[in-house]
């Protein structure tokens, strides 16, 4: 699986930890959606034509990554759970997001408007939707879901602070926040809606196991085991012609090697895991189609709670010592692409947000310049070619990465060599993915990498060094894994998130955040991950392609992809 994780778990670190993707929206939409006051009309996928009857035993099988056993829970508010992304076929959001185009798609809501200076959003709810138990989904269910998040902060994974949620006389849901929340629009729209009749009786919505979920999605849970989850078509689904496979399975795989074997034997139909050489696998097996698309930045994450990474000269030296073009050549098999601006913002997708003073701010690579920075900061070169810090300790840094992320594992030794040429020691520690995720969230690392989906600079910056859902070392953070703390920067985030998109206030705050990024180096940009999907064309047709990018080719868009698929020959 590509390194597009967002870490999730309960704040105290209790309970079983797995990774899911339903928080990859962080900060999406404030800029792209801010000017859209109403998005109504047809759902993007509803124009697909019927495929005819599939065979009764036809099952579509998917896996997302090498992981541990599945926990028997589908709770959309328990951010420590993982259900092979199959949970997104059960519970649905107000809006889907086509991550390939960064395009919002009305789903359980058909439109929305802002008012009250960004403190109130009015949602128009789709009619004719039913829960999988046959009962109608109503605006009251939507209002209740937001009330549940208001009353149970641990269940509020959107990050907004809710003051009230009501149904108005026009059967619209009116949600009022304690402060302007323009920048959190995608978190609001990504909220999974739950039935009031069931969840109003649940004492703790976060710890509730929800092993027999009732949702509005195209499938319902049929059978569960720690190795295989099977879902079958929901007879009450509001888009009945779109779920063309009678059943979908999520299977647990314990390694990339087992995923490769399952692909090659036909036991697996779709994965976005990252085999060591996906290109070769696809070439040797013509039925396996490899699709990919640029996804998200993958920066280095320095831990500010650890000496000497809390020292600016160390972060600056690392930034200057790394030869990004050389590293990128090693990433050709993974389709990763360059980041060529010190703001960390990709020119292609976010170049319009880069302030004039940083339009021409490329990265440079110079071991001698890195040495100069350290020498001027009081570091002394040791006899072994590694600097000693002002405290007299070797400048030796642990680089913690998951062993299953082939692209990171590939470049780590070269990074080690480049940094050593600058007098910086790097110890590579490749560990189990689930262990790495927890260590990252707890702040128990020195230097690592991570990435997460976003569509605008607010989402990108806030995820990496904002304090929206930060936590001290030893507590699980949902943002700011680096534990960067700066009151002035926090104020800039507040100004950007509470200002109307495109306003002078928003532009000024963003320009200043870019300056923080360039001058304080809270993270170290590296490259843009390409997210890939490998599909078995002998089993299904209708996968997303560059010519038809209706969704991302990975599990982050599971529902959109599955609803476009047709069994081969039907």
Protein backbone atom coordinates (compact mmCIF):
# COMPACT_ATOMS: atom_id res chain seq x y z
CA UNK A 1 0.00 0.00 0.00
CA UNK A 2 1.27 3.43 -0.82
CA UNK A 3 2.25 5.63 2.07
CA UNK A 4 -0.95 7.61 2.27
CA UNK A 5 -1.80 6.82 5.86
CA UNK A 6 -3.44 8.91 8.42
CA UNK A 7 -2.95 7.60 11.93
CA UNK A 8 -6.01 6.84 13.97
CA UNK A 9 -6.70 5.51 17.40
CA UNK A 10 -8.22 6.51 20.68
CA UNK A 11 -6.48 9.31 22.53
CA UNK A 12 -5.24 7.09 25.33
CA UNK A 13 -3.75 4.52 22.98
CA UNK A 14 -6.05 1.77 24.20
CA UNK A 15 -7.64 -0.88 22.08
CA UNK A 16 -6.65 -2.55 18.87
CA UNK A 17 -4.94 -0.39 16.26
CA UNK A 18 -5.48 -0.66 12.57
CA UNK A 19 -5.27 1.87 9.76
CA UNK A 20 -8.10 3.14 7.61
CA UNK A 21 -8.42 5.91 5.06
CA UNK A 22 -11.61 7.66 5.97
CA UNK A 23 -9.75 10.65 7.39
CA UNK A 24 -7.67 11.37 4.30
CA UNK A 25 -9.98 14.24 3.49
CA UNK A 26 -8.36 16.43 6.13
CA UNK A 27 -8.78 20.06 5.16
CA UNK A 28 -10.16 19.31 1.71
CA UNK A 29 -12.40 21.70 -0.07
CA UNK A 30 -11.95 25.03 1.71
CA UNK A 31 -10.54 26.58 -1.42
CA UNK A 32 -12.11 24.46 -4.16
CA UNK A 33 -15.51 24.14 -2.52
CA UNK A 34 -15.70 27.53 -0.90
CA UNK A 35 -17.18 29.17 -3.96
CA UNK A 36 -19.77 26.44 -4.54
CA UNK A 37 -22.97 27.40 -2.80
CA UNK A 38 -25.13 24.62 -4.15
CA UNK A 39 -24.25 21.29 -5.72
CA UNK A 40 -27.46 19.55 -6.67
CA UNK A 41 -28.57 17.35 -9.55
CA UNK A 42 -27.58 13.86 -10.56
CA UNK A 43 -25.09 11.80 -8.62
CA UNK A 44 -22.03 11.35 -10.79
CA UNK A 45 -22.25 7.58 -11.00
CA UNK A 46 -26.00 7.30 -11.42
CA UNK A 47 -25.83 7.51 -15.20
CA UNK A 48 -24.08 4.16 -15.48
CA UNK A 49 -26.13 1.69 -17.49
CA UNK A 50 -27.25 -1.66 -16.08
CA UNK A 51 -24.85 -4.50 -16.75
CA UNK A 52 -27.37 -7.30 -16.75
CA UNK A 53 -27.62 -10.08 -14.22
CA UNK A 54 -24.36 -11.36 -12.80
CA UNK A 55 -23.97 -15.00 -11.92
CA UNK A 56 -25.28 -15.81 -8.48
CA UNK A 57 -21.89 -16.87 -7.17
CA UNK A 58 -19.84 -14.01 -8.63
CA UNK A 59 -17.71 -12.32 -5.97
CA UNK A 60 -15.36 -9.39 -6.34
CA UNK A 61 -12.34 -9.70 -4.02
CA UNK A 62 -10.15 -6.87 -2.78
CA UNK A 63 -7.45 -6.09 -0.28
CA UNK A 64 -5.81 -2.80 0.57
CA UNK A 65 -2.55 -3.65 2.27
CA UNK A 66 -0.65 -6.23 4.24
CA UNK A 67 -2.21 -6.01 7.67
CA UNK A 68 -3.24 -7.97 10.71
CA UNK A 69 -6.58 -9.71 11.26
CA UNK A 70 -9.76 -7.67 10.81
CA UNK A 71 -11.53 -6.57 14.01
CA UNK A 72 -15.23 -7.37 14.14
CA UNK A 73 -16.48 -3.80 14.07
CA UNK A 74 -17.75 -1.37 11.46
CA UNK A 75 -18.19 1.62 13.77
CA UNK A 76 -17.64 4.75 11.63
CA UNK A 77 -16.74 6.77 14.74
CA UNK A 78 -14.11 4.37 16.05
CA UNK A 79 -11.05 5.64 14.23
CA UNK A 80 -8.94 2.77 15.51
CA UNK A 81 -10.81 0.19 13.44
CA UNK A 82 -10.05 -1.19 10.03
CA UNK A 83 -12.41 -3.16 7.84
CA UNK A 84 -10.51 -3.44 4.59
CA UNK A 85 -12.31 -0.33 3.34
CA UNK A 86 -15.34 -2.55 2.98
CA UNK A 87 -16.99 -0.40 5.65
CA UNK A 88 -17.38 2.39 3.08
CA UNK A 89 -19.79 0.11 1.22
CA UNK A 90 -22.03 0.06 4.31
CA UNK A 91 -21.98 3.61 5.70
CA UNK A 92 -22.10 6.59 3.35
CA UNK A 93 -21.16 10.27 3.63
CA UNK A 94 -23.06 13.41 2.74
CA UNK A 95 -20.68 13.93 -0.19
CA UNK A 96 -18.24 11.61 -1.91
CA UNK A 97 -14.91 12.96 -3.11
CA UNK A 98 -13.43 11.94 -6.45
CA UNK A 99 -9.79 12.15 -5.40
CA UNK A 100 -8.59 11.73 -8.97
CA UNK A 101 -10.14 15.08 -9.90
CA UNK A 102 -10.44 16.56 -6.40
CA UNK A 103 -14.12 16.83 -7.21
CA UNK A 104 -16.97 16.69 -4.64
CA UNK A 105 -19.99 14.57 -5.54
CA UNK A 106 -23.39 15.07 -3.83
CA UNK A 107 -24.39 11.84 -2.12
CA UNK A 108 -26.71 11.68 0.90
CA UNK A 109 -26.85 15.46 0.66
CA UNK A 110 -27.66 17.18 -2.63
CA UNK A 111 -26.39 20.65 -1.76
CA UNK A 112 -25.35 23.07 0.96
CA UNK A 113 -25.06 26.79 1.66
CA UNK A 114 -22.95 28.77 4.13
CA UNK A 115 -24.31 31.62 6.23
CA UNK A 116 -23.57 33.47 9.45
CA UNK A 117 -20.00 34.24 8.41
CA UNK A 118 -19.08 30.58 8.04
CA UNK A 119 -20.58 29.54 11.37
CA UNK A 120 -23.67 27.89 9.87
CA UNK A 121 -24.12 25.39 7.07
CA UNK A 122 -27.53 24.39 5.70
CA UNK A 123 -27.63 20.93 4.12
CA UNK A 124 -30.27 19.74 1.66
CA UNK A 125 -30.78 16.03 2.24
CA UNK A 126 -31.48 13.54 -0.52
CA UNK A 127 -35.00 12.09 -0.55
CA UNK A 128 -35.86 8.46 -1.15
CA UNK A 129 -32.90 6.94 0.72
CA UNK A 130 -33.54 3.97 3.02
CA UNK A 131 -31.49 2.21 5.63
CA UNK A 132 -30.54 -1.39 4.99
CA UNK A 133 -33.31 -2.48 7.39
CA UNK A 134 -35.86 -0.84 5.08
CA UNK A 135 -36.56 2.21 7.21
CA UNK A 136 -36.34 5.66 5.55
CA UNK A 137 -33.30 7.83 6.15
CA UNK A 138 -34.51 11.31 7.10
CA UNK A 139 -33.02 14.73 7.83
CA UNK A 140 -33.52 13.86 11.50
CA UNK A 141 -30.89 11.12 11.13
CA UNK A 142 -28.42 13.63 9.72
CA UNK A 143 -29.13 16.18 12.44
CA UNK A 144 -28.76 13.44 15.05
CA UNK A 145 -25.39 12.36 13.65
CA UNK A 146 -24.02 15.87 14.12
CA UNK A 147 -25.59 16.05 17.59
CA UNK A 148 -23.85 12.78 18.43
CA UNK A 149 -20.52 14.31 17.38
CA UNK A 150 -21.33 17.41 19.44
CA UNK A 151 -22.11 15.40 22.58
CA UNK A 152 -19.28 12.87 22.14
CA UNK A 153 -16.09 14.76 21.22
CA UNK A 154 -14.17 11.52 20.67
CA UNK A 155 -16.63 10.67 17.89
CA UNK A 156 -16.12 14.04 16.19
CA UNK A 157 -13.62 13.01 13.54
CA UNK A 158 -14.38 16.02 11.35
CA UNK A 159 -12.58 18.34 13.77
CA UNK A 160 -15.35 20.97 13.84
CA UNK A 161 -16.82 22.35 17.04
CA UNK A 162 -20.59 22.03 16.80
CA UNK A 163 -22.97 24.29 18.70
CA UNK A 164 -26.26 22.87 17.42
CA UNK A 165 -27.87 20.76 14.71
CA UNK A 166 -31.55 21.01 13.82
CA UNK A 167 -34.01 20.25 11.05
CA UNK A 168 -35.67 23.41 9.73
CA UNK A 169 -39.15 23.90 8.31
CA UNK A 170 -37.90 23.02 4.81
CA UNK A 171 -36.58 19.65 5.97
CA UNK A 172 -33.03 20.88 5.66
CA UNK A 173 -30.39 20.25 8.31
CA UNK A 174 -28.92 23.40 9.83
CA UNK A 175 -25.63 22.88 11.64
CA UNK A 176 -24.15 25.77 13.60
CA UNK A 177 -20.53 25.82 14.71
CA UNK A 178 -18.83 27.73 17.50
CA UNK A 179 -16.58 29.51 15.01
CA UNK A 180 -16.28 29.96 11.25
CA UNK A 181 -15.54 26.56 9.71
CA UNK A 182 -15.08 27.20 6.00
CA UNK A 183 -11.78 25.32 5.92
CA UNK A 184 -13.29 22.18 7.40
CA UNK A 185 -15.98 21.77 4.76
CA UNK A 186 -14.80 18.40 3.48
CA UNK A 187 -14.66 17.00 6.98
CA UNK A 188 -18.25 18.11 7.42
CA UNK A 189 -19.38 16.64 4.11
CA UNK A 190 -17.45 13.42 4.70
CA UNK A 191 -19.44 12.68 7.87
CA UNK A 192 -20.84 9.13 7.81
CA UNK A 193 -24.54 9.26 8.64
CA UNK A 194 -25.98 6.77 11.14
CA UNK A 195 -29.60 5.88 11.98
CA UNK A 196 -30.96 7.76 14.99
CA UNK A 197 -33.29 4.90 15.94
CA UNK A 198 -30.27 2.68 16.63
CA UNK A 199 -27.47 5.01 17.69
CA UNK A 200 -29.57 7.09 20.09
CA UNK A 201 -29.67 4.00 22.33
CA UNK A 202 -25.91 3.52 22.35
CA UNK A 203 -24.14 4.78 25.47
CA UNK A 204 -20.66 5.21 23.98
CA UNK A 205 -20.61 5.71 20.21
CA UNK A 206 -16.82 5.32 20.02
CA UNK A 207 -16.49 1.98 21.79
CA UNK A 208 -19.65 0.44 20.31
CA UNK A 209 -18.56 -2.57 18.21
CA UNK A 210 -21.30 -2.27 15.58
CA UNK A 211 -20.72 -5.78 14.27
CA UNK A 212 -24.11 -5.80 12.50
CA UNK A 213 -24.16 -2.32 10.95
CA UNK A 214 -27.25 -0.72 9.45
CA UNK A 215 -26.24 1.80 6.79
CA UNK A 216 -27.42 3.35 3.54
CA UNK A 217 -24.63 1.85 1.41
CA UNK A 218 -24.89 -0.58 -1.49
CA UNK A 219 -23.91 -3.61 0.58
CA UNK A 220 -24.64 -5.19 3.96
CA UNK A 221 -22.40 -7.46 6.00
CA UNK A 222 -23.06 -11.11 5.23
CA UNK A 223 -20.26 -12.96 7.02
CA UNK A 224 -17.24 -11.98 9.07
CA UNK A 225 -13.98 -13.66 10.03
CA UNK A 226 -10.64 -12.10 10.95
CA UNK A 227 -9.39 -13.13 7.50
CA UNK A 228 -12.38 -12.47 5.22
CA UNK A 229 -15.28 -10.02 5.31
CA UNK A 230 -18.10 -10.68 2.84
CA UNK A 231 -20.79 -8.15 2.03
CA UNK A 232 -23.87 -8.76 -0.10
CA UNK A 233 -26.13 -6.37 -1.99
CA UNK A 234 -28.41 -4.14 0.05
CA UNK A 235 -31.95 -4.73 -1.29
CA UNK A 236 -32.98 -1.22 -0.23
CA UNK A 237 -30.10 0.69 -1.82
CA UNK A 238 -31.17 4.01 -3.31
CA UNK A 239 -29.12 3.41 -6.52
CA UNK A 240 -30.17 -0.23 -7.08
CA UNK A 241 -28.75 -0.68 -10.58
CA UNK A 242 -25.20 0.27 -9.62
CA UNK A 243 -24.15 -2.60 -7.33
CA UNK A 244 -23.56 -5.12 -10.11
CA UNK A 245 -21.52 -7.66 -8.15
CA UNK A 246 -23.75 -9.74 -5.87
CA UNK A 247 -20.99 -9.91 -3.26
CA UNK A 248 -17.73 -8.17 -2.43
CA UNK A 249 -15.02 -9.58 -0.19
CA UNK A 250 -12.17 -7.97 1.70
CA UNK A 251 -9.41 -10.47 2.35
CA UNK A 252 -6.60 -10.18 4.85
CA UNK A 253 -3.10 -10.56 3.45
CA UNK A 254 -0.04 -10.77 5.70
CA UNK A 255 2.63 -9.48 3.31
CA UNK A 256 3.22 -7.87 -0.07
CA UNK A 257 4.51 -11.24 -1.25
CA UNK A 258 1.19 -12.91 -0.42
CA UNK A 259 -0.65 -10.10 -2.22
CA UNK A 260 1.50 -10.68 -5.32
CA UNK A 261 0.80 -14.42 -5.19
CA UNK A 262 -2.95 -13.84 -4.85
CA UNK A 263 -2.93 -11.48 -7.83
CA UNK A 264 -0.99 -13.93 -9.96
CA UNK A 265 -3.23 -16.90 -9.11
CA UNK A 266 -6.45 -14.94 -9.58
CA UNK A 267 -7.45 -15.11 -5.93
CA UNK A 268 -7.46 -11.31 -5.73
CA UNK A 269 -9.21 -8.89 -8.09
CA UNK A 270 -8.12 -5.47 -6.83
CA UNK A 271 -5.42 -4.11 -4.59
CA UNK A 272 -3.69 -0.80 -4.03
CA UNK A 273 -0.91 -2.45 -2.07
CA UNK A 274 2.54 -1.76 -3.44
CA UNK A 275 4.29 -4.87 -4.76
CA UNK A 276 8.03 -4.52 -5.21
CA UNK A 277 7.68 -4.36 -8.99
CA UNK A 278 4.09 -3.77 -10.02
CA UNK A 279 5.14 -2.94 -13.59
CA UNK A 280 6.72 -6.36 -14.08
CA UNK A 281 3.76 -8.14 -12.51
CA UNK A 282 1.35 -6.37 -14.85
CA UNK A 283 3.57 -7.04 -17.87
CA UNK A 284 3.85 -10.75 -17.11
CA UNK A 285 0.12 -11.10 -16.47
CA UNK A 286 -1.84 -9.28 -19.21
CA UNK A 287 -5.09 -9.61 -17.26
CA UNK A 288 -3.64 -7.49 -14.44
CA UNK A 289 -4.09 -3.81 -15.24
CA UNK A 290 -1.95 -1.26 -13.41
CA UNK A 291 -3.43 2.22 -13.00
CA UNK A 292 -1.83 5.07 -11.10
CA UNK A 293 -2.24 8.77 -10.42
CA UNK A 294 -0.27 11.42 -8.47
CA UNK A 295 -1.57 11.44 -4.95
CA UNK A 296 0.00 13.39 -2.10
CA UNK A 297 3.23 14.82 -0.79
CA UNK A 298 5.41 12.43 1.18
CA UNK A 299 7.55 14.66 3.42
CA UNK A 300 10.03 13.77 6.09
CA UNK A 301 8.60 14.31 9.56
CA UNK A 302 11.14 15.58 12.13
CA UNK A 303 10.17 15.13 15.77
CA UNK A 304 10.44 18.51 17.50
CA UNK A 305 10.35 16.86 20.91
CA UNK A 306 13.66 15.11 20.18
CA UNK A 307 17.10 16.71 20.30
CA UNK A 308 18.66 17.70 17.93
CA UNK A 309 15.78 17.67 15.41
CA UNK A 310 14.24 20.50 17.39
CA UNK A 311 17.17 22.62 16.19
CA UNK A 312 16.49 24.56 12.99
CA UNK A 313 20.06 24.15 11.59
CA UNK A 314 19.68 20.35 11.67
CA UNK A 315 16.43 20.46 9.70
CA UNK A 316 17.92 22.99 7.26
CA UNK A 317 21.00 20.82 6.76
CA UNK A 318 18.92 17.71 6.04
CA UNK A 319 16.81 19.74 3.62
CA UNK A 320 19.91 20.90 1.73
CA UNK A 321 21.86 17.64 1.82
CA UNK A 322 19.26 15.49 0.07
CA UNK A 323 19.52 15.14 -3.70
CA UNK A 324 15.86 14.88 -4.65
CA UNK A 325 16.37 14.38 -8.41
CA UNK A 326 18.70 11.44 -7.71
CA UNK A 327 16.22 9.93 -5.28
CA UNK A 328 13.39 10.42 -7.75
CA UNK A 329 15.20 8.31 -10.34
CA UNK A 330 14.96 5.40 -7.95
CA UNK A 331 11.22 5.97 -7.64
CA UNK A 332 10.43 5.60 -11.35
CA UNK A 333 8.91 2.10 -10.82
CA UNK A 334 6.55 3.65 -8.27
CA UNK A 335 5.48 6.53 -10.54
CA UNK A 336 6.30 9.09 -7.84
CA UNK A 337 6.90 12.65 -9.04
CA UNK A 338 8.85 15.72 -7.98
CA UNK A 339 8.13 18.44 -5.45
CA UNK A 340 10.06 21.43 -6.70
CA UNK A 341 9.11 24.28 -4.39
CA UNK A 342 10.27 24.89 -0.81
CA UNK A 343 6.73 25.70 0.26
CA UNK A 344 6.03 21.99 -0.21
CA UNK A 345 3.07 22.82 -2.45
CA UNK A 346 3.00 20.88 -5.74
CA UNK A 347 3.15 23.27 -8.66
CA UNK A 348 0.68 21.27 -10.74
CA UNK A 349 -2.15 21.08 -8.24
CA UNK A 350 -1.50 24.04 -5.94
CA UNK A 351 0.83 26.36 -7.78
CA UNK A 352 -1.88 29.03 -7.83
CA UNK A 353 -1.65 29.30 -4.05
CA UNK A 354 2.10 29.90 -3.89
CA UNK A 355 2.84 33.52 -2.97
CA UNK A 356 4.87 35.66 -5.36
CA UNK A 357 7.95 35.67 -3.14
CA UNK A 358 8.19 31.86 -3.34
CA UNK A 359 7.18 31.26 -6.95
CA UNK A 360 10.83 30.56 -7.72
CA UNK A 361 12.04 28.74 -4.62
CA UNK A 362 13.39 25.37 -5.80
CA UNK A 363 15.27 22.90 -3.68
CA UNK A 364 19.04 22.75 -3.96
CA UNK A 365 21.36 19.89 -3.12
CA UNK A 366 24.70 20.66 -1.53
CA UNK A 367 26.55 18.63 1.08
CA UNK A 368 29.00 21.51 1.52
CA UNK A 369 26.18 23.98 2.20
CA UNK A 370 24.67 21.58 4.72
CA UNK A 371 28.05 21.31 6.47
CA UNK A 372 28.35 25.09 6.48
CA UNK A 373 24.95 25.48 8.16
CA UNK A 374 25.91 23.03 10.89
CA UNK A 375 29.37 24.48 11.44
CA UNK A 376 27.97 27.98 11.82
CA UNK A 377 25.50 26.64 14.40
CA UNK A 378 28.30 25.30 16.60
CA UNK A 379 28.41 21.68 15.43
CA UNK A 380 31.93 20.21 15.32
CA UNK A 381 33.04 17.59 12.82
CA UNK A 382 34.06 14.31 14.46
CA UNK A 383 36.94 12.09 13.41
CA UNK A 384 34.44 9.62 11.97
CA UNK A 385 33.04 12.19 9.55
CA UNK A 386 29.88 12.73 11.62
CA UNK A 387 29.22 16.07 13.30
CA UNK A 388 28.90 16.36 17.04
CA UNK A 389 26.05 18.47 18.36
CA UNK A 390 26.63 21.46 20.67
CA UNK A 391 25.85 19.00 23.47
CA UNK A 392 28.76 16.84 22.37
CA UNK A 393 26.67 13.89 21.13
CA UNK A 394 27.03 12.46 17.60
CA UNK A 395 24.56 13.83 15.05
CA UNK A 396 23.04 10.41 14.55
CA UNK A 397 19.35 10.24 13.64
CA UNK A 398 16.99 7.28 13.61
CA UNK A 399 14.86 7.03 10.45
CA UNK A 400 11.71 5.01 11.22
CA UNK A 401 9.79 3.60 8.25
CA UNK A 402 7.39 0.70 7.60
CA UNK A 403 9.07 -2.29 6.02
CA UNK A 404 6.16 -2.79 3.58
CA UNK A 405 6.49 0.63 1.90
CA UNK A 406 8.72 -0.35 -0.98
CA UNK A 407 9.36 3.17 -2.26
CA UNK A 408 10.57 4.46 1.12
CA UNK A 409 12.65 1.33 1.69
CA UNK A 410 14.21 1.82 -1.75
CA UNK A 411 15.41 5.38 -1.18
CA UNK A 412 16.40 5.07 2.51
CA UNK A 413 19.96 3.75 1.91
CA UNK A 414 20.63 6.48 -0.66
CA UNK A 415 19.34 9.12 1.76
CA UNK A 416 21.68 7.62 4.34
CA UNK A 417 24.64 8.02 1.98
CA UNK A 418 23.70 11.60 1.01
CA UNK A 419 23.32 12.68 4.62
CA UNK A 420 26.59 11.05 5.64
CA UNK A 421 28.34 13.11 2.97
CA UNK A 422 27.04 16.14 4.88
CA UNK A 423 28.22 14.80 8.24
CA UNK A 424 24.83 13.55 9.38
CA UNK A 425 24.41 9.96 10.50
CA UNK A 426 21.19 8.15 9.62
CA UNK A 427 20.17 4.83 11.14
CA UNK A 428 17.41 3.12 9.16
CA UNK A 429 14.85 1.17 11.14
CA UNK A 430 12.23 -0.57 8.99
CA UNK A 431 9.51 -2.03 11.20
CA UNK A 432 6.04 -3.54 10.96
CA UNK A 433 3.53 -1.10 9.51
CA UNK A 434 1.10 -1.21 12.40
CA UNK A 435 3.91 -0.60 14.89
CA UNK A 436 5.19 2.32 12.83
CA UNK A 437 1.73 3.88 12.67
CA UNK A 438 1.33 3.81 16.43
CA UNK A 439 4.88 5.10 17.04
CA UNK A 440 4.25 7.97 14.64
CA UNK A 441 0.99 8.93 16.30
CA UNK A 442 2.50 8.71 19.78
CA UNK A 443 5.56 10.76 18.81
CA UNK A 444 7.91 7.87 19.54
CA UNK A 445 10.35 8.43 16.68
CA UNK A 446 13.08 10.84 15.59
CA UNK A 447 12.62 11.13 11.83
CA UNK A 448 10.00 9.46 9.67
CA UNK A 449 7.80 10.03 6.62
CA UNK A 450 4.08 10.22 6.09
CA UNK A 451 1.50 11.47 3.63
CA UNK A 452 -2.19 12.27 3.56
CA UNK A 453 -4.74 13.43 1.03
CA UNK A 454 -5.57 17.12 0.77
CA UNK A 455 -6.70 19.48 -1.91
CA UNK A 456 -5.52 22.85 -0.63
CA UNK A 457 -2.66 24.36 1.38
CA UNK A 458 -4.70 24.64 4.57
CA UNK A 459 -5.31 20.90 4.65
CA UNK A 460 -1.67 20.13 3.87
CA UNK A 461 -0.13 22.50 6.40
CA UNK A 462 -2.68 21.84 9.13
CA UNK A 463 -2.20 18.10 8.91
CA UNK A 464 1.55 18.33 9.28
CA UNK A 465 2.14 21.21 11.66
CA UNK A 466 -1.23 22.59 12.72
CA UNK A 467 -2.73 21.97 16.14
CA UNK A 468 -6.28 20.98 15.15
CA UNK A 469 -5.94 17.54 16.67
CA UNK A 470 -2.40 17.54 18.00
CA UNK A 471 -1.36 15.74 21.17
CA UNK A 472 1.67 15.61 23.47
CA UNK A 473 4.23 12.84 23.15
CA UNK A 474 2.77 9.63 24.51
CA UNK A 475 -0.77 10.53 23.43
CA UNK A 476 -2.12 9.65 20.02
CA UNK A 477 -2.20 12.64 17.69
CA UNK A 478 -4.33 12.96 14.57
CA UNK A 479 -2.38 15.93 13.24
CA UNK A 480 1.08 17.41 13.85
CA UNK A 481 2.99 14.19 14.37
CA UNK A 482 6.14 16.32 14.50
CA UNK A 483 4.85 18.00 17.70
CA UNK A 484 5.63 21.41 16.24
CA UNK A 485 4.36 24.11 18.59
CA UNK A 486 4.24 27.82 17.85
CA UNK A 487 1.53 30.19 19.08
CA UNK A 488 2.01 32.64 16.20
CA UNK A 489 1.63 29.82 13.67
CA UNK A 490 -1.48 28.56 15.45
CA UNK A 491 -2.97 32.03 15.07
CA UNK A 492 -2.28 31.96 11.33
CA UNK A 493 -4.10 28.63 11.05
CA UNK A 494 -7.02 30.10 12.93
CA UNK A 495 -7.14 33.13 10.64
CA UNK A 496 -7.00 30.97 7.54
CA UNK A 497 -9.67 28.53 8.73
CA UNK A 498 -12.11 31.24 9.81
CA UNK A 499 -11.69 33.55 6.82
CA UNK A 500 -13.85 33.31 3.74
CA UNK A 501 -12.02 31.44 0.97
CA UNK A 502 -10.27 33.82 -1.39
CA UNK A 503 -10.53 36.79 0.96
CA UNK A 504 -7.60 39.12 1.65
CA UNK A 505 -7.44 37.75 5.19
CA UNK A 506 -7.19 34.16 3.97
CA UNK A 507 -4.53 35.05 1.40
CA UNK A 508 -2.43 36.93 3.96
CA UNK A 509 -2.59 34.07 6.47
CA UNK A 510 -1.61 31.54 3.81
CA UNK A 511 1.31 33.66 2.61
CA UNK A 512 2.62 33.78 6.17
CA UNK A 513 2.19 30.01 6.62
CA UNK A 514 4.28 29.52 3.49
CA UNK A 515 6.96 31.65 5.12
CA UNK A 516 6.82 29.41 8.21
CA UNK A 517 7.27 26.41 5.96
CA UNK A 518 10.26 27.88 4.12
CA UNK A 519 12.05 29.46 7.08
CA UNK A 520 11.23 27.10 9.96
CA UNK A 521 11.18 23.78 8.04
CA UNK A 522 8.50 22.08 10.19
CA UNK A 523 8.55 19.25 7.65
CA UNK A 524 10.96 18.40 4.83
CA UNK A 525 9.21 17.93 1.45
CA UNK A 526 10.47 15.02 -0.63
CA UNK A 527 8.21 13.92 -3.52
CA UNK A 528 4.61 13.31 -4.56
CA UNK A 529 3.39 9.77 -4.03
CA UNK A 530 1.60 8.08 -6.87
CA UNK A 531 -1.33 5.97 -5.71
CA UNK A 532 -1.80 2.83 -7.72
CA UNK A 533 -4.33 0.12 -8.19
CA UNK A 534 -3.90 -3.31 -9.77
CA UNK A 535 -7.08 -4.80 -11.22
CA UNK A 536 -7.98 -8.22 -12.59
CA UNK A 537 -9.61 -7.54 -15.96
CA UNK A 538 -10.64 -11.20 -16.29
CA UNK A 539 -13.14 -10.64 -13.51
CA UNK A 540 -14.41 -7.10 -13.94
CA UNK A 541 -14.49 -4.12 -16.26
CA UNK A 542 -15.03 -0.44 -15.52
CA UNK A 543 -11.93 0.38 -13.51
CA UNK A 544 -10.81 4.02 -13.37
CA UNK A 545 -8.23 5.01 -15.98
CA UNK A 546 -6.44 8.22 -16.98
CA UNK A 547 -9.02 8.65 -19.74
CA UNK A 548 -11.90 8.01 -17.33
CA UNK A 549 -10.76 9.30 -13.93
CA UNK A 550 -14.12 8.99 -12.18
CA UNK A 551 -12.29 7.96 -9.00
CA UNK A 552 -8.86 7.23 -7.60
CA UNK A 553 -7.65 3.72 -8.48
CA UNK A 554 -7.24 2.86 -4.82
CA UNK A 555 -9.36 2.01 -1.82
CA UNK A 556 -9.72 5.65 -0.78
CA UNK A 557 -12.52 5.71 -3.38
CA UNK A 558 -13.80 2.19 -2.73
CA UNK A 559 -17.50 2.89 -3.10
CA UNK A 560 -17.14 4.94 -6.28
CA UNK A 561 -15.00 2.23 -7.88
CA UNK A 562 -17.18 -0.71 -6.86
CA UNK A 563 -20.31 1.04 -8.15
CA UNK A 564 -18.69 1.46 -11.56
CA UNK A 565 -17.57 -2.16 -11.90
CA UNK A 566 -19.30 -4.74 -14.05
CA UNK A 567 -18.62 -8.50 -14.01
CA UNK A 568 -16.70 -9.52 -17.10
CA UNK A 569 -19.07 -10.68 -19.81
CA UNK A 570 -22.20 -9.23 -18.20
